Amino acid sequence: AMHPEQNPAIAGGGIYNSHAVQDKQIVRIIGKMTTLAAHAYHRNTGRAPAAPNTRLSYTENFLYMLDAGLDARHRPHPKLAK
């Protein structure tokens, strides 16, 4: 998801002077890292990437995106997700 309220071209050059805004952006970037890593993995292996599953935890979702392929019912092994 794009966040136009965080775009300096729209919100102005001083948007990142606030520590609260900086922290929010850091959390957003960290949250997207699993999706980027899974897409890079699938691009290198020639497989189609799986879309994120919002019903899973952060770790489960990462493992899901790596292994699910086209099976939306796939669930990662609980021991691996801990």
Protein backbone atom coordinates (compact mmCIF):
# COMPACT_ATOMS: atom_id res chain seq x y z
CA ALA A 1 0.00 0.00 0.00
CA MET A 2 1.20 3.46 -0.80
CA HIS A 3 1.04 6.19 1.79
CA PRO A 4 0.71 9.58 0.06
CA GLU A 5 0.58 11.39 3.41
CA GLN A 6 4.25 10.42 3.87
CA ASN A 7 5.37 11.73 0.47
CA PRO A 8 7.50 14.88 0.88
CA ALA A 9 6.36 16.12 -2.54
CA ILE A 10 2.76 16.16 -1.28
CA ALA A 11 3.09 16.77 2.47
CA GLY A 12 6.06 19.14 2.36
CA GLY A 13 9.79 18.81 2.97
CA GLY A 14 9.58 18.79 6.79
CA ILE A 15 7.42 15.66 7.01
CA TYR A 16 10.24 13.55 8.51
CA ASN A 17 11.14 16.01 11.30
CA SER A 18 8.72 14.18 13.59
CA HIS A 19 10.07 11.10 15.39
CA ALA A 20 6.56 9.60 15.39
CA VAL A 21 6.42 9.80 11.58
CA GLN A 22 9.92 8.31 11.30
CA ASP A 23 8.96 5.41 13.59
CA LYS A 24 5.79 4.76 11.61
CA GLN A 25 7.77 4.63 8.35
CA ILE A 26 10.33 2.24 9.86
CA VAL A 27 7.57 -0.14 10.95
CA ARG A 28 6.00 0.03 7.47
CA ILE A 29 9.31 -0.81 5.79
CA ILE A 30 10.02 -3.71 8.16
CA GLY A 31 6.51 -5.02 7.55
CA LYS A 32 7.12 -5.12 3.80
CA MET A 33 10.47 -6.91 4.00
CA THR A 34 8.99 -10.41 4.10
CA THR A 35 6.98 -9.73 0.95
CA LEU A 36 10.03 -8.35 -0.85
CA ALA A 37 12.19 -11.31 0.23
CA ALA A 38 9.56 -13.85 -0.87
CA HIS A 39 9.13 -12.15 -4.25
CA ALA A 40 12.91 -12.08 -4.78
CA TYR A 41 13.11 -15.79 -3.93
CA HIS A 42 10.34 -16.66 -6.38
CA ARG A 43 11.85 -14.49 -9.09
CA ASN A 44 15.16 -16.36 -8.73
CA THR A 45 13.49 -19.79 -8.75
CA GLY A 46 11.10 -19.00 -11.60
CA ARG A 47 7.96 -19.62 -9.54
CA ALA A 48 4.89 -17.43 -9.28
CA PRO A 49 4.82 -15.53 -5.97
CA ALA A 50 2.00 -16.04 -3.49
CA ALA A 51 0.12 -13.00 -2.27
CA PRO A 52 0.35 -12.25 1.47
CA ASN A 53 -2.26 -13.90 3.69
CA THR A 54 -3.53 -11.40 6.26
CA ARG A 55 -4.99 -14.15 8.47
CA LEU A 56 -1.54 -15.43 9.43
CA SER A 57 1.07 -14.09 11.83
CA TYR A 58 4.15 -12.25 10.52
CA THR A 59 6.36 -15.39 10.51
CA GLU A 60 3.61 -17.71 9.26
CA ASN A 61 2.88 -15.28 6.43
CA PHE A 62 6.55 -15.22 5.37
CA LEU A 63 6.72 -19.01 5.29
CA TYR A 64 3.37 -19.13 3.50
CA MET A 65 4.58 -16.74 0.80
CA LEU A 66 7.72 -18.85 0.29
CA ASP A 67 5.97 -22.22 -0.04
CA ALA A 68 2.31 -21.71 -0.93
CA GLY A 69 2.58 -21.34 -4.70
CA LEU A 70 -0.95 -21.55 -5.98
CA ASP A 71 -2.40 -23.46 -3.02
CA ALA A 72 -4.22 -20.87 -0.89
CA ARG A 73 -4.98 -23.54 1.75
CA HIS A 74 -1.28 -24.09 2.50
CA ARG A 75 -0.31 -23.55 6.15
CA PRO A 76 3.28 -23.51 7.42
CA HIS A 77 4.35 -26.08 9.96
CA PRO A 78 3.66 -24.66 13.46
CA LYS A 79 7.15 -25.53 14.77
CA LEU A 80 8.81 -23.64 11.92
CA ALA A 81 6.62 -20.60 12.48
CA LYS A 82 7.71 -20.15 16.12
